[in-house]
Amino acid sequence: MVDAERILLGLLRAKQLELDPDLPVERAMRPGPSTFRPYVSMKEMADFMVEHSLESVPITTSDGKLVGVLLKSDAIRLAADAAACARKLITPQPPESN
């Protein structure tokens, strides 16, 4: 949930709604959620999300403005792509033959 300036106020998780689907959002949400900054590496995000069994995490600016939500599946895929790219850069490639 965000306010008019897109400041993140809280997160709504499915398990809270499962307890009482009629609960108002402001009571069901978890206020003051952990957030991450856009500059955190994809590998670090993927590792954290796997370690803590998080399917998604909010990405915010330092003043709390919501930038977006990162999905664990995207973090893992992008971290793997970055690692593959880095391996290509450091692994000598055979010269092309003409």
N, C-alpha and C. Protein backbone atom coordinates (compact mmCIF):
# COMPACT_ATOMS: atom_id res chain seq x y z
N MET A 1 0.86 -1.17 0.00
CA MET A 1 0.00 0.00 0.00
C MET A 1 0.90 1.23 0.00
N VAL A 2 0.59 2.19 -0.87
CA VAL A 2 1.34 3.44 -0.94
C VAL A 2 0.40 4.62 -0.71
N ASP A 3 0.99 5.75 -0.31
CA ASP A 3 0.18 6.96 -0.15
C ASP A 3 0.19 7.75 -1.46
N ALA A 4 -0.33 8.95 -1.45
CA ALA A 4 -0.45 9.77 -2.67
C ALA A 4 0.91 10.10 -3.29
N GLU A 5 1.97 10.13 -2.48
CA GLU A 5 3.32 10.42 -3.00
C GLU A 5 4.09 9.15 -3.35
N ARG A 6 3.42 8.01 -3.34
CA ARG A 6 4.00 6.70 -3.63
C ARG A 6 4.97 6.22 -2.54
N ILE A 7 4.81 6.73 -1.32
CA ILE A 7 5.60 6.27 -0.19
C ILE A 7 4.98 4.95 0.28
N LEU A 8 5.83 3.93 0.40
CA LEU A 8 5.35 2.61 0.79
C LEU A 8 4.95 2.62 2.26
N LEU A 9 3.70 2.26 2.51
CA LEU A 9 3.17 2.25 3.88
C LEU A 9 3.19 0.86 4.49
N GLY A 10 3.03 -0.15 3.65
CA GLY A 10 2.99 -1.51 4.18
C GLY A 10 2.80 -2.52 3.07
N LEU A 11 2.92 -3.79 3.45
CA LEU A 11 2.75 -4.90 2.50
C LEU A 11 1.56 -5.74 2.92
N LEU A 12 0.86 -6.22 1.93
CA LEU A 12 -0.26 -7.11 2.17
C LEU A 12 0.14 -8.49 1.68
N ARG A 13 0.19 -9.44 2.57
CA ARG A 13 0.56 -10.81 2.24
C ARG A 13 -0.68 -11.69 2.21
N ALA A 14 -0.66 -12.69 1.37
CA ALA A 14 -1.81 -13.59 1.21
C ALA A 14 -2.20 -14.25 2.52
N LYS A 15 -1.21 -14.60 3.34
CA LYS A 15 -1.55 -15.32 4.58
C LYS A 15 -2.40 -14.47 5.52
N GLN A 16 -2.22 -13.15 5.52
CA GLN A 16 -3.07 -12.30 6.35
C GLN A 16 -4.51 -12.34 5.85
N LEU A 17 -4.69 -12.32 4.53
CA LEU A 17 -6.04 -12.35 3.97
C LEU A 17 -6.71 -13.70 4.18
N GLU A 18 -5.91 -14.76 4.20
CA GLU A 18 -6.48 -16.09 4.43
C GLU A 18 -7.07 -16.20 5.81
N LEU A 19 -6.51 -15.49 6.78
CA LEU A 19 -7.03 -15.53 8.15
C LEU A 19 -8.41 -14.90 8.24
N ASP A 20 -8.58 -13.77 7.54
CA ASP A 20 -9.87 -13.08 7.55
C ASP A 20 -10.00 -12.27 6.27
N PRO A 21 -10.68 -12.81 5.26
CA PRO A 21 -10.79 -12.11 3.99
C PRO A 21 -11.58 -10.80 4.07
N ASP A 22 -12.32 -10.58 5.15
CA ASP A 22 -13.09 -9.35 5.31
C ASP A 22 -12.32 -8.28 6.07
N LEU A 23 -11.12 -8.58 6.48
CA LEU A 23 -10.30 -7.63 7.23
C LEU A 23 -9.93 -6.45 6.34
N PRO A 24 -10.10 -5.21 6.82
CA PRO A 24 -9.71 -4.05 6.01
C PRO A 24 -8.20 -4.09 5.70
N VAL A 25 -7.83 -3.61 4.54
CA VAL A 25 -6.43 -3.65 4.10
C VAL A 25 -5.52 -3.00 5.13
N GLU A 26 -5.90 -1.84 5.65
CA GLU A 26 -5.03 -1.14 6.60
C GLU A 26 -4.75 -1.95 7.86
N ARG A 27 -5.66 -2.86 8.21
CA ARG A 27 -5.42 -3.72 9.38
C ARG A 27 -4.70 -5.01 9.00
N ALA A 28 -4.86 -5.43 7.74
CA ALA A 28 -4.24 -6.68 7.30
C ALA A 28 -2.79 -6.49 6.87
N MET A 29 -2.45 -5.28 6.43
CA MET A 29 -1.09 -5.07 5.93
C MET A 29 -0.07 -5.06 7.05
N ARG A 30 1.14 -5.40 6.69
CA ARG A 30 2.26 -5.36 7.62
C ARG A 30 2.96 -4.01 7.44
N PRO A 31 2.85 -3.09 8.41
CA PRO A 31 3.46 -1.77 8.25
C PRO A 31 4.98 -1.83 8.37
N GLY A 32 5.63 -0.85 7.76
CA GLY A 32 7.08 -0.74 7.86
C GLY A 32 7.84 -1.94 7.33
N PRO A 33 7.53 -2.38 6.11
CA PRO A 33 8.21 -3.57 5.58
C PRO A 33 9.68 -3.31 5.25
N SER A 34 10.46 -4.36 5.22
CA SER A 34 11.84 -4.26 4.75
C SER A 34 11.80 -3.94 3.26
N THR A 35 12.65 -3.02 2.86
CA THR A 35 12.71 -2.65 1.44
C THR A 35 14.16 -2.70 0.98
N PHE A 36 14.34 -2.64 -0.31
CA PHE A 36 15.67 -2.70 -0.90
C PHE A 36 15.83 -1.56 -1.88
N ARG A 37 17.07 -1.14 -2.08
CA ARG A 37 17.35 -0.03 -2.99
C ARG A 37 17.66 -0.56 -4.39
N PRO A 38 17.45 0.27 -5.40
CA PRO A 38 17.68 -0.16 -6.78
C PRO A 38 19.13 -0.54 -7.10
N TYR A 39 20.09 -0.08 -6.32
CA TYR A 39 21.50 -0.36 -6.61
C TYR A 39 21.99 -1.71 -6.08
N VAL A 40 21.17 -2.44 -5.33
CA VAL A 40 21.58 -3.74 -4.80
C VAL A 40 21.71 -4.72 -5.97
N SER A 41 22.78 -5.51 -5.97
CA SER A 41 23.01 -6.42 -7.10
C SER A 41 21.94 -7.50 -7.18
N MET A 42 21.70 -7.95 -8.40
CA MET A 42 20.69 -8.97 -8.61
C MET A 42 21.07 -10.27 -7.90
N LYS A 43 22.36 -10.60 -7.86
CA LYS A 43 22.81 -11.81 -7.15
C LYS A 43 22.50 -11.70 -5.67
N GLU A 44 22.78 -10.54 -5.08
CA GLU A 44 22.50 -10.34 -3.66
C GLU A 44 21.00 -10.45 -3.39
N MET A 45 20.19 -9.87 -4.27
CA MET A 45 18.74 -9.95 -4.11
C MET A 45 18.26 -11.39 -4.22
N ALA A 46 18.74 -12.11 -5.24
CA ALA A 46 18.33 -13.50 -5.44
C ALA A 46 18.72 -14.35 -4.23
N ASP A 47 19.95 -14.18 -3.76
CA ASP A 47 20.41 -14.95 -2.60
C ASP A 47 19.53 -14.67 -1.37
N PHE A 48 19.25 -13.40 -1.12
CA PHE A 48 18.45 -13.00 0.04
C PHE A 48 17.04 -13.58 -0.06
N MET A 49 16.44 -13.48 -1.24
CA MET A 49 15.07 -13.93 -1.42
C MET A 49 14.95 -15.45 -1.27
N VAL A 50 15.93 -16.17 -1.78
CA VAL A 50 15.93 -17.63 -1.63
C VAL A 50 16.13 -17.99 -0.16
N GLU A 51 17.11 -17.36 0.47
CA GLU A 51 17.42 -17.66 1.87
C GLU A 51 16.23 -17.40 2.80
N HIS A 52 15.46 -16.36 2.50
CA HIS A 52 14.34 -15.98 3.37
C HIS A 52 12.98 -16.39 2.82
N SER A 53 12.98 -17.20 1.78
CA SER A 53 11.73 -17.71 1.18
C SER A 53 10.75 -16.59 0.84
N LEU A 54 11.26 -15.55 0.19
CA LEU A 54 10.41 -14.43 -0.23
C LEU A 54 10.12 -14.54 -1.71
N GLU A 55 8.86 -14.45 -2.08
CA GLU A 55 8.48 -14.52 -3.49
C GLU A 55 8.61 -13.17 -4.18
N SER A 56 8.58 -12.09 -3.39
CA SER A 56 8.73 -10.75 -3.94
C SER A 56 9.22 -9.81 -2.85
N VAL A 57 9.86 -8.72 -3.28
CA VAL A 57 10.31 -7.69 -2.34
C VAL A 57 10.10 -6.32 -2.97
N PRO A 58 9.77 -5.32 -2.13
CA PRO A 58 9.60 -3.97 -2.66
C PRO A 58 10.96 -3.28 -2.84
N ILE A 59 11.07 -2.53 -3.91
CA ILE A 59 12.26 -1.73 -4.19
C ILE A 59 11.84 -0.27 -4.03
N THR A 60 12.56 0.46 -3.17
CA THR A 60 12.21 1.85 -2.89
C THR A 60 13.44 2.75 -2.96
N THR A 61 13.17 4.05 -3.07
CA THR A 61 14.24 5.04 -2.96
C THR A 61 14.56 5.21 -1.48
N SER A 62 15.60 5.96 -1.18
CA SER A 62 15.98 6.15 0.23
C SER A 62 14.91 6.88 1.03
N ASP A 63 14.04 7.64 0.36
CA ASP A 63 12.97 8.32 1.09
C ASP A 63 11.67 7.52 1.09
N GLY A 64 11.73 6.25 0.69
CA GLY A 64 10.59 5.36 0.81
C GLY A 64 9.65 5.31 -0.37
N LYS A 65 9.96 6.01 -1.46
CA LYS A 65 9.10 5.96 -2.65
C LYS A 65 9.24 4.63 -3.35
N LEU A 66 8.10 4.03 -3.64
CA LEU A 66 8.09 2.73 -4.30
C LEU A 66 8.56 2.88 -5.74
N VAL A 67 9.59 2.10 -6.09
CA VAL A 67 10.10 2.06 -7.46
C VAL A 67 9.45 0.89 -8.19
N GLY A 68 9.31 -0.23 -7.49
CA GLY A 68 8.71 -1.41 -8.08
C GLY A 68 8.80 -2.58 -7.14
N VAL A 69 8.39 -3.74 -7.65
CA VAL A 69 8.43 -4.98 -6.88
C VAL A 69 9.24 -5.99 -7.68
N LEU A 70 10.23 -6.60 -7.03
CA LEU A 70 11.07 -7.59 -7.67
C LEU A 70 10.57 -8.98 -7.30
N LEU A 71 10.32 -9.79 -8.33
CA LEU A 71 9.90 -11.17 -8.12
C LEU A 71 11.12 -12.08 -8.00
N LYS A 72 11.02 -13.07 -7.13
CA LYS A 72 12.15 -13.99 -6.93
C LYS A 72 12.55 -14.67 -8.24
N SER A 73 11.58 -15.09 -9.02
CA SER A 73 11.90 -15.77 -10.29
C SER A 73 12.70 -14.86 -11.21
N ASP A 74 12.37 -13.57 -11.24
CA ASP A 74 13.13 -12.62 -12.07
C ASP A 74 14.53 -12.41 -11.51
N ALA A 75 14.64 -12.29 -10.20
CA ALA A 75 15.95 -12.08 -9.57
C ALA A 75 16.89 -13.24 -9.86
N ILE A 76 16.38 -14.46 -9.74
CA ILE A 76 17.20 -15.64 -9.98
C ILE A 76 17.62 -15.70 -11.44
N ARG A 77 16.69 -15.46 -12.35
CA ARG A 77 16.99 -15.51 -13.79
C ARG A 77 18.01 -14.44 -14.17
N LEU A 78 17.81 -13.21 -13.69
CA LEU A 78 18.72 -12.12 -14.04
C LEU A 78 20.10 -12.32 -13.42
N ALA A 79 20.16 -12.85 -12.21
CA ALA A 79 21.45 -13.13 -11.57
C ALA A 79 22.20 -14.20 -12.35
N ALA A 80 21.50 -15.23 -12.81
CA ALA A 80 22.12 -16.30 -13.60
C ALA A 80 22.61 -15.75 -14.95
N ASP A 81 21.81 -14.89 -15.57
CA ASP A 81 22.22 -14.29 -16.85
C ASP A 81 23.47 -13.44 -16.67
N ALA A 82 23.53 -12.68 -15.58
CA ALA A 82 24.69 -11.83 -15.31
C ALA A 82 25.93 -12.67 -15.07
N ALA A 83 25.77 -13.78 -14.35
CA ALA A 83 26.90 -14.67 -14.09
C ALA A 83 27.40 -15.29 -15.38
N ALA A 84 26.49 -15.70 -16.26
CA ALA A 84 26.88 -16.28 -17.55
C ALA A 84 27.62 -15.25 -18.40
N CYS A 85 27.16 -14.02 -18.37
CA CYS A 85 27.81 -12.95 -19.12
C CYS A 85 29.21 -12.70 -18.58
N ALA A 86 29.36 -12.68 -17.27
CA ALA A 86 30.67 -12.45 -16.66
C ALA A 86 31.63 -13.58 -17.01
N ARG A 87 31.14 -14.82 -17.02
CA ARG A 87 32.00 -15.95 -17.40
C ARG A 87 32.50 -15.80 -18.83
N LYS A 88 31.65 -15.32 -19.72
CA LYS A 88 32.06 -15.11 -21.11
C LYS A 88 33.15 -14.05 -21.20
N LEU A 89 33.06 -13.04 -20.36
CA LEU A 89 34.05 -11.97 -20.39
C LEU A 89 35.42 -12.42 -19.89
N ILE A 90 35.44 -13.35 -18.93
CA ILE A 90 36.72 -13.75 -18.35
C ILE A 90 37.28 -15.04 -18.94
N THR A 91 36.47 -15.77 -19.69
CA THR A 91 36.93 -17.01 -20.31
C THR A 91 37.48 -16.69 -21.69
N PRO A 92 38.74 -17.06 -21.94
CA PRO A 92 39.29 -16.77 -23.26
C PRO A 92 38.49 -17.48 -24.36
N GLN A 93 38.19 -16.74 -25.39
CA GLN A 93 37.45 -17.29 -26.52
C GLN A 93 38.43 -17.61 -27.64
N PRO A 94 38.24 -18.74 -28.34
CA PRO A 94 39.12 -19.05 -29.47
C PRO A 94 38.95 -18.02 -30.56
N PRO A 95 40.03 -17.71 -31.28
CA PRO A 95 39.91 -16.73 -32.37
C PRO A 95 38.98 -17.23 -33.45
N GLU A 96 38.24 -16.28 -34.05
CA GLU A 96 37.34 -16.65 -35.13
C GLU A 96 38.14 -17.01 -36.36
N SER A 97 37.70 -18.04 -37.06
CA SER A 97 38.40 -18.42 -38.31
C SER A 97 37.59 -17.90 -39.48
N ASN A 98 38.29 -17.42 -40.47
CA ASN A 98 37.62 -16.88 -41.66
C ASN A 98 37.74 -17.81 -42.82
